[in-house]
C-alpha atoms as a PDB file:
ATOM      1  CA  MET A   1       0.109  -0.012  -0.383  1.00  0.00           C
ATOM      2  CA  ASN A   2       0.796   3.656  -0.282  1.00  0.00           C
ATOM      3  CA  LEU A   3       1.541   4.978   2.920  1.00  0.00           C
ATOM      4  CA  THR A   4       2.227   8.925   3.592  1.00  0.00           C
ATOM      5  CA  SER A   5       4.915  10.309   4.958  1.00  0.00           C
ATOM      6  CA  ARG A   6       3.944  10.656   8.209  1.00  0.00           C
ATOM      7  CA  GLU A   7       3.142   6.570   8.183  1.00  0.00           C
ATOM      8  CA  GLN A   8       5.960   6.033   7.153  1.00  0.00           C
ATOM      9  CA  ALA A   9       7.535   8.028   9.941  1.00  0.00           C
ATOM     10  CA  LEU A  10       5.978   6.599  12.226  1.00  0.00           C
ATOM     11  CA  LEU A  11       6.343   3.058  10.604  1.00  0.00           C
ATOM     12  CA  LEU A  12      10.198   3.319  10.907  1.00  0.00           C
ATOM     13  CA  GLU A  13      10.103   4.379  14.432  1.00  0.00           C
ATOM     14  CA  LEU A  14       7.915   1.652  15.538  1.00  0.00           C
ATOM     15  CA  THR A  15       9.817  -0.891  13.533  1.00  0.00           C
ATOM     16  CA  GLN A  16      12.750   0.587  15.532  1.00  0.00           C
ATOM     17  CA  ALA A  17      11.521   0.147  19.451  1.00  0.00           C
ATOM     18  CA  LEU A  18      10.735  -3.089  18.457  1.00  0.00           C
ATOM     19  CA  SER A  19      13.979  -4.636  18.002  1.00  0.00           C
ATOM     20  CA  SER A  20      15.462  -2.494  20.644  1.00  0.00           C
ATOM     21  CA  SER A  21      15.561  -4.917  23.132  1.00  0.00           C
ATOM     22  CA  LEU A  22      14.806  -8.525  23.764  1.00  0.00           C
ATOM     23  CA  ASP A  23      12.438  -7.834  27.177  1.00  0.00           C
ATOM     24  CA  LEU A  24       8.843  -8.175  25.552  1.00  0.00           C
ATOM     25  CA  THR A  25       7.426  -5.903  27.957  1.00  0.00           C
ATOM     26  CA  GLU A  26      10.045  -3.436  27.637  1.00  0.00           C
ATOM     27  CA  VAL A  27       9.762  -3.501  23.574  1.00  0.00           C
ATOM     28  CA  LEU A  28       5.369  -3.320  23.995  1.00  0.00           C
ATOM     29  CA  ALA A  29       5.956  -0.648  26.333  1.00  0.00           C
ATOM     30  CA  ARG A  30       8.255   1.277  23.547  1.00  0.00           C
ATOM     31  CA  SER A  31       6.297   0.912  21.017  1.00  0.00           C
ATOM     32  CA  GLN A  32       2.649   1.375  22.732  1.00  0.00           C
ATOM     33  CA  GLY A  33       2.780   5.368  21.663  1.00  0.00           C
ATOM     34  CA  ILE A  34       3.928   5.028  18.284  1.00  0.00           C
ATOM     35  CA  LEU A  35       1.492   2.012  17.868  1.00  0.00           C
ATOM     36  CA  THR A  36      -1.743   4.015  19.039  1.00  0.00           C
ATOM     37  CA  GLN A  37      -0.404   6.983  16.740  1.00  0.00           C
ATOM     38  CA  LEU A  38      -0.078   5.216  13.652  1.00  0.00           C
ATOM     39  CA  LEU A  39      -3.547   3.055  14.319  1.00  0.00           C
ATOM     40  CA  PRO A  40      -5.479   5.284  17.006  1.00  0.00           C
ATOM     41  CA  CYS A  41      -7.342   2.364  19.151  1.00  0.00           C
ATOM     42  CA  ASP A  42      -8.262   2.631  23.561  1.00  0.00           C
ATOM     43  CA  TYR A  43      -6.071  -0.387  24.411  1.00  0.00           C
ATOM     44  CA  ALA A  44      -4.621  -3.385  22.749  1.00  0.00           C
ATOM     45  CA  ALA A  45      -3.354  -6.752  23.882  1.00  0.00           C
ATOM     46  CA  LEU A  46      -0.875  -9.771  23.002  1.00  0.00           C
ATOM     47  CA  CYS A  47      -1.898 -12.999  23.182  1.00  0.00           C
ATOM     48  CA  VAL A  48       0.519 -16.041  23.090  1.00  0.00           C
ATOM     49  CA  SER A  49      -0.284 -19.876  23.629  1.00  0.00           C
ATOM     50  CA  ARG A  50       1.215 -23.406  22.737  1.00  0.00           C
ATOM     51  CA  PRO A  51      -0.328 -25.322  20.218  1.00  0.00           C
ATOM     52  CA  GLU A  52      -0.489 -28.205  23.057  1.00  0.00           C
ATOM     53  CA  ARG A  53      -1.779 -26.137  25.963  1.00  0.00           C
ATOM     54  CA  PRO A  54      -4.966 -24.655  24.304  1.00  0.00           C
ATOM     55  CA  GLY A  55      -6.390 -22.177  26.282  1.00  0.00           C
ATOM     56  CA  ASP A  56      -3.152 -21.268  28.047  1.00  0.00           C
ATOM     57  CA  TYR A  57      -2.381 -17.715  27.470  1.00  0.00           C
ATOM     58  CA  GLU A  58       0.443 -15.318  27.735  1.00  0.00           C
ATOM     59  CA  TRP A  59      -1.163 -12.042  27.976  1.00  0.00           C
ATOM     60  CA  LEU A  60       0.658  -8.770  27.988  1.00  0.00           C
ATOM     61  CA  GLY A  61      -1.911  -5.979  27.858  1.00  0.00           C
ATOM     62  CA  LEU A  62      -0.845  -2.476  26.555  1.00  0.00           C
ATOM     63  CA  GLY A  63      -3.643  -0.265  28.754  1.00  0.00           C
ATOM     64  CA  ALA A  64      -5.792  -3.024  27.914  1.00  0.00           C
ATOM     65  CA  PRO A  65      -7.502  -3.249  31.536  1.00  0.00           C
ATOM     66  CA  GLY A  66      -7.087  -7.205  33.189  1.00  0.00           C
ATOM     67  CA  ILE A  67     -10.442  -8.423  32.739  1.00  0.00           C
ATOM     68  CA  LEU A  68     -10.062  -8.793  29.616  1.00  0.00           C
ATOM     69  CA  LEU A  69      -7.061 -10.098  30.579  1.00  0.00           C
ATOM     70  CA  THR A  70      -8.602 -12.599  32.750  1.00  0.00           C
ATOM     71  CA  HIS A  71     -11.967 -13.667  31.269  1.00  0.00           C
ATOM     72  CA  TYR A  72     -10.700 -13.762  27.692  1.00  0.00           C
ATOM     73  CA  PRO A  73     -10.556 -17.178  27.851  1.00  0.00           C
ATOM     74  CA  GLU A  74     -14.491 -17.222  28.697  1.00  0.00           C
ATOM     75  CA  LEU A  75     -14.983 -14.816  25.951  1.00  0.00           C
ATOM     76  CA  ALA A  76     -13.330 -16.676  23.018  1.00  0.00           C
ATOM     77  CA  ALA A  77     -15.289 -19.801  24.442  1.00  0.00           C
ATOM     78  CA  VAL A  78     -18.864 -17.143  23.430  1.00  0.00           C
ATOM     79  CA  GLU A  79     -17.428 -16.190  20.204  1.00  0.00           C
ATOM     80  CA  PHE A  80     -15.498 -18.852  18.829  1.00  0.00           C
ATOM     81  CA  GLY A  81     -16.129 -21.768  20.382  1.00  0.00           C
ATOM     82  CA  PRO A  82     -14.069 -24.877  21.683  1.00  0.00           C
ATOM     83  CA  GLU A  83     -12.043 -25.033  18.468  1.00  0.00           C
ATOM     84  CA  PRO A  84      -9.803 -22.537  17.323  1.00  0.00           C
ATOM     85  CA  GLN A  85     -10.338 -20.549  13.684  1.00  0.00           C
ATOM     86  CA  ALA A  86      -8.713 -18.913  11.726  1.00  0.00           C
ATOM     87  CA  PRO A  87      -8.848 -15.489  10.581  1.00  0.00           C
ATOM     88  CA  ARG A  88     -13.057 -14.756   9.007  1.00  0.00           C
ATOM     89  CA  ALA A  89     -14.122 -11.844   7.506  1.00  0.00           C
ATOM     90  CA  PRO A  90     -15.647  -8.552   9.050  1.00  0.00           C
ATOM     91  CA  ASP A  91     -19.022  -9.519  10.982  1.00  0.00           C
ATOM     92  CA  PRO A  92     -21.685  -9.070   8.384  1.00  0.00           C
ATOM     93  CA  ARG A  93     -24.652  -8.699  11.496  1.00  0.00           C
ATOM     94  CA  SER A  94     -26.273  -5.770  11.881  1.00  0.00           C
ATOM     95  CA  ARG A  95     -25.691  -3.310  14.536  1.00  0.00           C
ATOM     96  CA  LYS A  96     -28.516  -4.528  16.320  1.00  0.00           C
ATOM     97  CA  GLU A  97     -27.980  -7.906  15.877  1.00  0.00           C
ATOM     98  CA  LEU A  98     -24.221  -7.753  17.734  1.00  0.00           C
ATOM     99  CA  LYS A  99     -25.697  -6.163  20.275  1.00  0.00           C
ATOM    100  CA  ARG A 100     -27.533  -8.930  20.989  1.00  0.00           C
ATOM    101  CA  SER A 101     -24.742 -10.819  20.631  1.00  0.00           C
ATOM    102  CA  LEU A 102     -23.683 -13.260  23.892  1.00  0.00           C
ATOM    103  CA  LEU A 103     -19.839 -11.729  23.547  1.00  0.00           C
ATOM    104  CA  TYR A 104     -21.465  -8.037  23.045  1.00  0.00           C
ATOM    105  CA  LEU A 105     -23.800  -8.814  26.764  1.00  0.00           C
ATOM    106  CA  ARG A 106     -20.964 -10.634  28.109  1.00  0.00           C
ATOM    107  CA  CYS A 107     -18.784  -7.828  28.488  1.00  0.00           C
ATOM    108  CA  ARG A 108     -21.477  -4.658  29.244  1.00  0.00           C
ATOM    109  CA  GLU A 109     -22.197  -7.026  32.112  1.00  0.00           C
ATOM    110  CA  MET A 110     -18.555  -7.099  32.984  1.00  0.00           C
ATOM    111  CA  GLY A 111     -17.569  -3.325  32.703  1.00  0.00           C
ATOM    112  CA  LEU A 112     -15.831  -3.777  28.957  1.00  0.00           C
ATOM    113  CA  PRO A 113     -17.805  -1.499  26.579  1.00  0.00           C
ATOM    114  CA  LEU A 114     -15.976  -2.801  24.111  1.00  0.00           C
ATOM    115  CA  GLU A 115     -17.558  -1.716  19.763  1.00  0.00           C
ATOM    116  CA  GLN A 116     -14.694  -2.348  17.425  1.00  0.00           C
ATOM    117  CA  VAL A 117     -11.866  -5.355  17.452  1.00  0.00           C
ATOM    118  CA  LEU A 118      -9.567  -5.413  15.168  1.00  0.00           C
ATOM    119  CA  ALA A 119      -6.678  -8.883  15.675  1.00  0.00           C
ATOM    120  CA  VAL A 120      -4.012 -10.118  13.212  1.00  0.00           C
ATOM    121  CA  LEU A 121      -2.963 -13.622  14.208  1.00  0.00           C
ATOM    122  CA  LEU A 122       0.734 -13.829  13.744  1.00  0.00           C
ATOM    123  CA  ASP A 123       3.181 -16.446  12.621  1.00  0.00           C
ATOM    124  CA  LEU A 124       1.662 -20.882  12.586  1.00  0.00           C
ATOM    125  CA  ARG A 125       4.718 -22.088  11.674  1.00  0.00           C
ATOM    126  CA  GLN A 126       6.730 -21.805  15.211  1.00  0.00           C
ATOM    127  CA  ASP A 127       5.567 -23.689  18.696  1.00  0.00           C
ATOM    128  CA  TRP A 128       4.019 -21.169  19.416  1.00  0.00           C
ATOM    129  CA  HIS A 129       0.415 -19.016  18.248  1.00  0.00           C
ATOM    130  CA  GLY A 130       0.202 -15.740  18.813  1.00  0.00           C
ATOM    131  CA  GLY A 131      -2.834 -13.483  18.421  1.00  0.00           C
ATOM    132  CA  PHE A 132      -2.720  -9.293  18.447  1.00  0.00           C
ATOM    133  CA  THR A 133      -5.736  -7.377  18.688  1.00  0.00           C
ATOM    134  CA  LEU A 134      -6.675  -3.209  19.035  1.00  0.00           C
ATOM    135  CA  TYR A 135     -10.457  -2.423  20.613  1.00  0.00           C
ATOM    136  CA  ARG A 136     -12.353   0.485  20.708  1.00  0.00           C
ATOM    137  CA  GLU A 137     -14.415   1.941  23.171  1.00  0.00           C
ATOM    138  CA  HIS A 138     -16.811   3.733  20.687  1.00  0.00           C
ATOM    139  CA  ALA A 139     -18.670   2.733  17.292  1.00  0.00           C
ATOM    140  CA  LEU A 140     -16.375   3.619  14.825  1.00  0.00           C
ATOM    141  CA  PRO A 141     -15.656   1.401  12.735  1.00  0.00           C
ATOM    142  CA  PHE A 142     -11.296   0.365  11.714  1.00  0.00           C
ATOM    143  CA  THR A 143     -10.820   1.292   7.998  1.00  0.00           C
ATOM    144  CA  GLU A 144      -9.707  -1.024   5.462  1.00  0.00           C
ATOM    145  CA  ARG A 145      -6.353   1.232   4.887  1.00  0.00           C
ATOM    146  CA  GLU A 146      -6.089   0.558   9.458  1.00  0.00           C
ATOM    147  CA  GLN A 147      -6.640  -3.043   8.256  1.00  0.00           C
ATOM    148  CA  ALA A 148      -4.066  -2.659   5.104  1.00  0.00           C
ATOM    149  CA  LEU A 149      -1.307  -0.964   8.030  1.00  0.00           C
ATOM    150  CA  LEU A 150      -1.681  -4.203  11.163  1.00  0.00           C
ATOM    151  CA  GLU A 151      -1.130  -6.549   8.395  1.00  0.00           C
ATOM    152  CA  ASP A 152       1.601  -4.635   7.020  1.00  0.00           C
ATOM    153  CA  LEU A 153       2.674  -4.647  10.970  1.00  0.00           C
ATOM    154  CA  THR A 154       2.096  -8.118  11.323  1.00  0.00           C
ATOM    155  CA  PRO A 155       5.307  -9.315  10.340  1.00  0.00           C
ATOM    156  CA  TYR A 156       7.679  -7.114  12.597  1.00  0.00           C
ATOM    157  CA  LEU A 157       5.117  -7.836  15.501  1.00  0.00           C
ATOM    158  CA  ALA A 158       5.478 -11.953  15.155  1.00  0.00           C
ATOM    159  CA  ASN A 159       9.272 -11.176  14.580  1.00  0.00           C
ATOM    160  CA  THR A 160       9.559  -9.586  18.229  1.00  0.00           C
ATOM    161  CA  VAL A 161       7.997 -12.007  19.703  1.00  0.00           C
ATOM    162  CA  ARG A 162      10.269 -14.894  17.935  1.00  0.00           C
ATOM    163  CA  ASN A 163      13.042 -13.173  19.254  1.00  0.00           C
ATOM    164  CA  CYS A 164      12.347 -11.924  22.303  1.00  0.00           C
ATOM    165  CA  ARG A 165      10.531 -16.038  23.137  1.00  0.00           C
ATOM    166  CA  LEU A 166      14.364 -17.403  22.078  1.00  0.00           C
ATOM    167  CA  PHE A 167      16.173 -15.474  24.443  1.00  0.00           C
ATOM    168  CA  ALA A 168      14.264 -14.009  27.104  1.00  0.00           C
ATOM    169  CA  HIS A 169      16.265 -15.729  28.962  1.00  0.00           C
ATOM    170  CA  GLU A 170      19.611 -14.491  28.349  1.00  0.00           C
ATOM    171  CA  ALA A 171      17.758 -11.012  28.314  1.00  0.00           C
ATOM    172  CA  THR A 172      17.999 -10.623  31.960  1.00  0.00           C
ATOM    173  CA  ARG A 173      21.216 -11.742  32.071  1.00  0.00           C
ATOM    174  CA  GLY A 174      24.223  -9.299  32.025  1.00  0.00           C
ATOM    175  CA  ASP A 175      26.036  -9.923  29.034  1.00  0.00           C
ATOM    176  CA  LEU A 176      23.654 -11.534  26.889  1.00  0.00           C
ATOM    177  CA  LEU A 177      26.563 -11.563  23.802  1.00  0.00           C
ATOM    178  CA  ASP A 178      28.061 -14.679  26.829  1.00  0.00           C
ATOM    179  CA  ALA A 179      24.452 -15.660  27.749  1.00  0.00           C
ATOM    180  CA  LEU A 180      24.459 -16.321  24.668  1.00  0.00           C
ATOM    181  CA  PHE A 181      26.838 -19.687  24.300  1.00  0.00           C
ATOM    182  CA  HIS A 182      25.747 -21.536  26.980  1.00  0.00           C
ATOM    183  CA  HIS A 183      21.810 -20.881  24.813  1.00  0.00           C
ATOM    184  CA  GLN A 184      19.843 -23.930  25.117  1.00  0.00           C
ATOM    185  CA  GLY A 185      17.597 -25.751  22.357  1.00  0.00           C
ATOM    186  CA  ALA A 186      20.140 -24.370  19.709  1.00  0.00           C
ATOM    187  CA  GLU A 187      23.236 -23.652  18.390  1.00  0.00           C
ATOM    188  CA  CYS A 188      23.885 -19.761  17.807  1.00  0.00           C
ATOM    189  CA  ILE A 189      26.915 -17.932  15.995  1.00  0.00           C
ATOM    190  CA  VAL A 190      27.576 -13.949  16.825  1.00  0.00           C
ATOM    191  CA  MET A 191      28.621 -12.508  14.344  1.00  0.00           C
ATOM    192  CA  ASP A 192      29.148  -8.632  13.195  1.00  0.00           C
ATOM    193  CA  PRO A 193      28.773  -8.391   9.406  1.00  0.00           C
ATOM    194  CA  PRO A 194      30.598  -9.476   7.392  1.00  0.00           C
ATOM    195  CA  GLU A 195      33.398 -11.117   8.805  1.00  0.00           C
ATOM    196  CA  HIS A 196      34.297 -10.725  11.493  1.00  0.00           C
ATOM    197  CA  GLU A 197      32.937 -14.012  14.385  1.00  0.00           C
ATOM    198  CA  ARG A 198      32.223 -13.013  18.117  1.00  0.00           C
ATOM    199  CA  LEU A 199      31.264 -16.258  18.959  1.00  0.00           C
ATOM    200  CA  ARG A 200      29.969 -19.783  18.699  1.00  0.00           C
ATOM    201  CA  THR A 201      27.982 -22.406  20.646  1.00  0.00           C
ATOM    202  CA  PRO A 202      29.858 -26.003  21.098  1.00  0.00           C
ATOM    203  CA  GLY A 203      27.955 -27.913  18.541  1.00  0.00           C
ATOM    204  CA  ALA A 204      27.848 -24.743  16.187  1.00  0.00           C
ATOM    205  CA  THR A 205      30.882 -25.756  14.619  1.00  0.00           C
ATOM    206  CA  GLU A 206      29.813 -29.715  13.853  1.00  0.00           C
ATOM    207  CA  LEU A 207      26.196 -28.334  13.182  1.00  0.00           C
ATOM    208  CA  LEU A 208      28.184 -26.457   9.936  1.00  0.00           C
ATOM    209  CA  ARG A 209      30.013 -29.291   9.193  1.00  0.00           C
ATOM    210  CA  ARG A 210      27.754 -32.142   8.760  1.00  0.00           C
ATOM    211  CA  TRP A 211      25.323 -29.703   6.366  1.00  0.00           C
ATOM    212  CA  TYR A 212      28.623 -27.462   4.364  1.00  0.00           C
ATOM    213  CA  PRO A 213      31.481 -30.065   4.650  1.00  0.00           C
ATOM    214  CA  GLU A 214      33.162 -28.215   1.372  1.00  0.00           C
ATOM    215  CA  GLU A 215      33.236 -25.309   3.708  1.00  0.00           C
ATOM    216  CA  GLN A 216      35.016 -25.948   7.490  1.00  0.00           C
ATOM    217  CA  LYS A 217      37.125 -22.866   7.844  1.00  0.00           C
ATOM    218  CA  SER A 218      34.038 -20.158   8.781  1.00  0.00           C
ATOM    219  CA  LEU A 219      30.849 -19.370   7.867  1.00  0.00           C
ATOM    220  CA  PRO A 220      29.702 -20.832   4.854  1.00  0.00           C
ATOM    221  CA  GLN A 221      29.238 -18.291   1.597  1.00  0.00           C
ATOM    222  CA  GLU A 222      25.556 -18.558   1.211  1.00  0.00           C
ATOM    223  CA  LEU A 223      25.361 -17.132   4.996  1.00  0.00           C
ATOM    224  CA  ARG A 224      27.052 -14.848   4.671  1.00  0.00           C
ATOM    225  CA  ASP A 225      25.949 -13.666   1.780  1.00  0.00           C
ATOM    226  CA  HIS A 226      22.654 -13.612   3.138  1.00  0.00           C
ATOM    227  CA  LEU A 227      24.404 -11.597   6.322  1.00  0.00           C
ATOM    228  CA  GLU A 228      25.045  -8.864   3.944  1.00  0.00           C
ATOM    229  CA  ARG A 229      21.757  -8.388   2.415  1.00  0.00           C
ATOM    230  CA  LEU A 230      19.582  -8.386   5.183  1.00  0.00           C
ATOM    231  CA  GLN A 231      22.104  -5.564   6.740  1.00  0.00           C
ATOM    232  CA  ALA A 232      22.027  -3.547   4.204  1.00  0.00           C
ATOM    233  CA  LEU A 233      18.548  -3.553   3.550  1.00  0.00           C
ATOM    234  CA  GLY A 234      17.618  -2.658   7.387  1.00  0.00           C
ATOM    235  CA  THR A 235      14.217  -2.141   7.888  1.00  0.00           C
ATOM    236  CA  LYS A 236      13.393  -2.375   4.489  1.00  0.00           C
ATOM    237  CA  GLN A 237      13.436  -6.566   4.458  1.00  0.00           C
ATOM    238  CA  ALA A 238      10.782  -8.415   2.851  1.00  0.00           C
ATOM    239  CA  VAL A 239       8.394 -10.620   5.060  1.00  0.00           C
ATOM    240  CA  GLY A 240      10.388 -14.204   5.785  1.00  0.00           C
ATOM    241  CA  MET A 241      13.897 -12.523   5.046  1.00  0.00           C
ATOM    242  CA  ASP A 242      15.569 -13.356   8.379  1.00  0.00           C
ATOM    243  CA  THR A 243      14.571 -16.912   8.336  1.00  0.00           C
ATOM    244  CA  TRP A 244      16.852 -18.941   5.936  1.00  0.00           C
ATOM    245  CA  THR A 245      16.446 -22.135   4.734  1.00  0.00           C
ATOM    246  CA  ARG A 246      18.592 -25.515   4.039  1.00  0.00           C
ATOM    247  CA  SER A 247      16.830 -28.873   2.703  1.00  0.00           C
ATOM    248  CA  GLY A 248      17.926 -32.205   3.394  1.00  0.00           C
ATOM    249  CA  GLY A 249      16.943 -35.577   3.363  1.00  0.00           C
ATOM    250  CA  LYS A 250      13.871 -35.627   6.198  1.00  0.00           C
ATOM    251  CA  GLN A 251      15.589 -32.553   7.959  1.00  0.00           C
ATOM    252  CA  ASP A 252      15.430 -29.275   7.036  1.00  0.00           C
ATOM    253  CA  LEU A 253      18.612 -26.439   8.312  1.00  0.00           C
ATOM    254  CA  LYS A 254      16.839 -23.811   9.573  1.00  0.00           C
ATOM    255  CA  VAL A 255      18.488 -20.699  10.443  1.00  0.00           C
ATOM    256  CA  THR A 256      17.138 -17.854  11.406  1.00  0.00           C
ATOM    257  CA  PHE A 257      18.497 -14.739  11.525  1.00  0.00           C
ATOM    258  CA  VAL A 258      18.547 -11.461  13.958  1.00  0.00           C
ATOM    259  CA  GLN A 259      20.087  -8.416  15.005  1.00  0.00           C
ATOM    260  CA  LEU A 260      20.591  -7.970  19.040  1.00  0.00           C
ATOM    261  CA  PRO A 261      20.315  -4.689  20.179  1.00  0.00           C
ATOM    262  CA  GLU A 262      23.462  -2.142  20.477  1.00  0.00           C
ATOM    263  CA  GLN A 263      25.707  -4.238  22.590  1.00  0.00           C
ATOM    264  CA  ARG A 264      29.225  -2.184  23.841  1.00  0.00           C
ATOM    265  CA  GLY A 265      29.208   0.676  21.323  1.00  0.00           C
ATOM    266  CA  SER A 266      27.655  -1.744  18.013  1.00  0.00           C
ATOM    267  CA  ARG A 267      24.390  -4.479  17.051  1.00  0.00           C
ATOM    268  CA  PRO A 268      25.915  -7.623  16.478  1.00  0.00           C
ATOM    269  CA  TRP A 269      23.684 -10.304  14.391  1.00  0.00           C
ATOM    270  CA  VAL A 270      22.974 -14.077  15.877  1.00  0.00           C
ATOM    271  CA  LEU A 271      22.556 -16.547  13.852  1.00  0.00           C
ATOM    272  CA  VAL A 272      20.246 -19.334  15.433  1.00  0.00           C
ATOM    273  CA  LEU A 273      20.811 -22.988  13.860  1.00  0.00           C
ATOM    274  CA  GLN A 274      18.574 -25.140  14.373  1.00  0.00           C
ATOM    275  CA  GLU A 275      17.507 -28.920  12.389  1.00  0.00           C
ATOM    276  CA  CYS A 276      13.881 -29.578  12.164  1.00  0.00           C
ATOM    277  CA  SER A 277      11.330 -31.648  10.875  1.00  0.00           C
ATOM    278  CA  ARG A 278      10.094 -30.360   7.557  1.00  0.00           C
ATOM    279  CA  ALA A 279       6.576 -31.093   7.298  1.00  0.00           C
ATOM    280  CA  ILE A 280       4.023 -30.651  10.693  1.00  0.00           C
ATOM    281  CA  PRO A 281       2.676 -33.982  11.773  1.00  0.00           C
ATOM    282  CA  MET A 282      -1.435 -35.144   9.985  1.00  0.00           C
ATOM    283  CA  PRO A 283      -3.485 -35.037  12.487  1.00  0.00           C
ATOM    284  CA  GLU A 284      -4.447 -38.824  12.641  1.00  0.00           C
ATOM    285  CA  PRO A 285      -8.323 -38.168  13.130  1.00  0.00           C
ATOM    286  CA  TRP A 286      -7.877 -36.405   9.623  1.00  0.00           C
ATOM    287  CA  ARG A 287      -6.814 -39.866   7.696  1.00  0.00           C
ATOM    288  CA  LYS A 288      -9.610 -41.588   8.335  1.00  0.00           C
ATOM    289  CA  LYS A 289     -11.972 -38.649   6.872  1.00  0.00           C
ATOM    290  CA  LEU A 290      -9.617 -38.508   3.221  1.00  0.00           C
ATOM    291  CA  SER A 291      -8.769 -41.093   0.682  1.00  0.00           C
ATOM    292  CA  ALA A 292      -4.955 -42.333   0.710  1.00  0.00           C
ATOM    293  CA  ARG A 293      -4.363 -39.759  -2.270  1.00  0.00           C
ATOM    294  CA  GLU A 294      -5.407 -36.943  -0.203  1.00  0.00           C
ATOM    295  CA  ALA A 295      -3.478 -37.311   2.749  1.00  0.00           C
ATOM    296  CA  GLU A 296      -0.509 -37.717   0.326  1.00  0.00           C
ATOM    297  CA  VAL A 297      -2.095 -34.297  -0.277  1.00  0.00           C
ATOM    298  CA  VAL A 298      -2.356 -32.917   2.790  1.00  0.00           C
ATOM    299  CA  GLN A 299       0.970 -34.306   4.156  1.00  0.00           C
ATOM    300  CA  GLY A 300       2.736 -32.172   0.586  1.00  0.00           C
ATOM    301  CA  VAL A 301       0.765 -28.831   2.512  1.00  0.00           C
ATOM    302  CA  LEU A 302       1.978 -29.474   5.774  1.00  0.00           C
ATOM    303  CA  SER A 303       5.375 -30.045   4.230  1.00  0.00           C
ATOM    304  CA  ASN A 304       5.414 -26.720   3.333  1.00  0.00           C
ATOM    305  CA  TRP A 305       5.107 -27.532  -0.689  1.00  0.00           C
ATOM    306  CA  THR A 306       3.401 -25.080  -3.299  1.00  0.00           C
ATOM    307  CA  ASN A 307       1.037 -27.507  -5.471  1.00  0.00           C
ATOM    308  CA  GLU A 308       3.495 -27.405  -8.258  1.00  0.00           C
ATOM    309  CA  THR A 309       5.806 -29.380  -6.265  1.00  0.00           C
ATOM    310  CA  ILE A 310       2.905 -31.848  -4.551  1.00  0.00           C
ATOM    311  CA  ALA A 311       2.012 -32.701  -7.936  1.00  0.00           C
ATOM    312  CA  GLU A 312       5.745 -33.606  -9.408  1.00  0.00           C
ATOM    313  CA  ASP A 313       6.340 -35.331  -6.155  1.00  0.00           C
ATOM    314  CA  LEU A 314       2.899 -37.060  -6.238  1.00  0.00           C
ATOM    315  CA  GLY A 315       3.080 -37.332 -10.437  1.00  0.00           C
ATOM    316  CA  LEU A 316      -0.128 -35.557 -10.558  1.00  0.00           C
ATOM    317  CA  THR A 317      -0.937 -32.850 -12.886  1.00  0.00           C
ATOM    318  CA  LEU A 318      -1.453 -29.239 -11.527  1.00  0.00           C
ATOM    319  CA  ASN A 319      -5.382 -29.491 -11.501  1.00  0.00           C
ATOM    320  CA  THR A 320      -5.677 -32.537  -9.831  1.00  0.00           C
ATOM    321  CA  VAL A 321      -3.573 -31.494  -7.440  1.00  0.00           C
ATOM    322  CA  LYS A 322      -6.295 -28.521  -6.887  1.00  0.00           C
ATOM    323  CA  THR A 323      -9.229 -30.678  -7.406  1.00  0.00           C
ATOM    324  CA  HIS A 324      -7.855 -32.548  -4.608  1.00  0.00           C
ATOM    325  CA  LEU A 325      -7.699 -29.389  -2.586  1.00  0.00           C
ATOM    326  CA  ARG A 326     -11.307 -28.550  -2.811  1.00  0.00           C
ATOM    327  CA  ASN A 327     -12.691 -32.041  -2.078  1.00  0.00           C
ATOM    328  CA  ILE A 328     -10.203 -32.024   1.003  1.00  0.00           C
ATOM    329  CA  PHE A 329     -11.380 -28.673   2.655  1.00  0.00           C
ATOM    330  CA  PRO A 330     -14.652 -29.576   3.530  1.00  0.00           C
ATOM    331  CA  LYS A 331     -14.170 -32.933   4.188  1.00  0.00           C
ATOM    332  CA  LEU A 332     -11.665 -31.468   7.261  1.00  0.00           C
ATOM    333  CA  GLY A 333     -14.352 -28.579   8.064  1.00  0.00           C
ATOM    334  CA  ILE A 334     -11.086 -25.784   7.018  1.00  0.00           C
ATOM    335  CA  GLU A 335     -10.969 -23.051   4.610  1.00  0.00           C
ATOM    336  CA  SER A 336      -8.203 -22.723   3.188  1.00  0.00           C
ATOM    337  CA  ARG A 337      -3.930 -24.042   3.399  1.00  0.00           C
ATOM    338  CA  THR A 338      -3.793 -21.444   6.132  1.00  0.00           C
ATOM    339  CA  ASP A 339      -6.718 -22.923   8.337  1.00  0.00           C
ATOM    340  CA  LEU A 340      -4.979 -26.245   7.756  1.00  0.00           C
ATOM    341  CA  LEU A 341      -1.832 -25.269   8.432  1.00  0.00           C
ATOM    342  CA  TYR A 342      -3.041 -23.563  11.990  1.00  0.00           C
ATOM    343  CA  GLN A 343      -5.648 -26.320  12.673  1.00  0.00           C
ATOM    344  CA  ALA A 344      -2.397 -29.164  12.861  1.00  0.00           C
ATOM    345  CA  ALA A 345      -0.151 -27.789  14.339  1.00  0.00           C
ATOM    346  CA  TRP A 346      -2.594 -26.542  17.488  1.00  0.00           C
ATOM    347  CA  ARG A 347      -3.445 -30.904  17.064  1.00  0.00           C
ATOM    348  CA  GLN A 348      -0.740 -31.501  18.200  1.00  0.00           C
ATOM    349  CA  LYS A 349       0.069 -33.337  21.227  1.00  0.00           C
ATOM    350  CA  PRO A 350       3.305 -33.481  23.247  1.00  0.00           C
ATOM    351  CA  GLY A 351       5.831 -36.650  22.716  1.00  0.00           C
END
């Protein structure tokens, strides 16, 4: 979308605030005033949950009253029912019908005069689900332009939550760079672009040796090149550019590039290296509803393959894959590829 000069300035200021710390509470506090200038609202809230713990919400409110956060599971059950839902189109009900809805009436009983709500769903492919919501207590609806602005902000919000969750423990310690050396769950390499390496965790060298056997001495060239591009682009990065994936046989190497807050006069980057399964497991109840071929198509979607890749892998035409998907969605009670990924991730059970 075409931004005004004021919107561009506020967006730049906001993205800088979102990357200014690895403490999520601190980041949101710095961002609140800028956000309400860009997207006027009475208050906002960030909610994070994990697929294996439905109903267990981690809340951070930007001016939101505590009663909203405390009673959100009850309100969500009234509005959405017991199953998670993908983002939906604006409610087509008339204002008179809306005022008779259970959600509207329950909010009034609790002293929450909510009139307008605008929400986005954050990255579904992490081990967490997130939602960011703006609330208005007056009847003026959010405009299509405001919806588009919030959608433009979504990748920045998702990356902020991801980075803060990755390094929440390290961010509370005295020296972040030293703390990263002991980071659990992934291997890390800390760089001053483009060439200077500050440190790497003990397993990083062996991990790189497995994936880049031809490059033994330093950071692989393709990772150095990608880091240089990110450094040059600054806040103009496209969505998803800060994640690099190299495909292997049964696993992928995922490299997440995170620019750290200022440390000792500079802003280093940390590369988080993780070996991960390529696919979200398919929920077993789905297999009973699908034919063998449909299950293979679904597994292709859950492997993040395009329709073209699925067609090539299964020896089908592109139109046949599209036909299978049109038949699959109603069988599973879902509406889209995004909804399929969301529902599959939600239904994962702890190992």
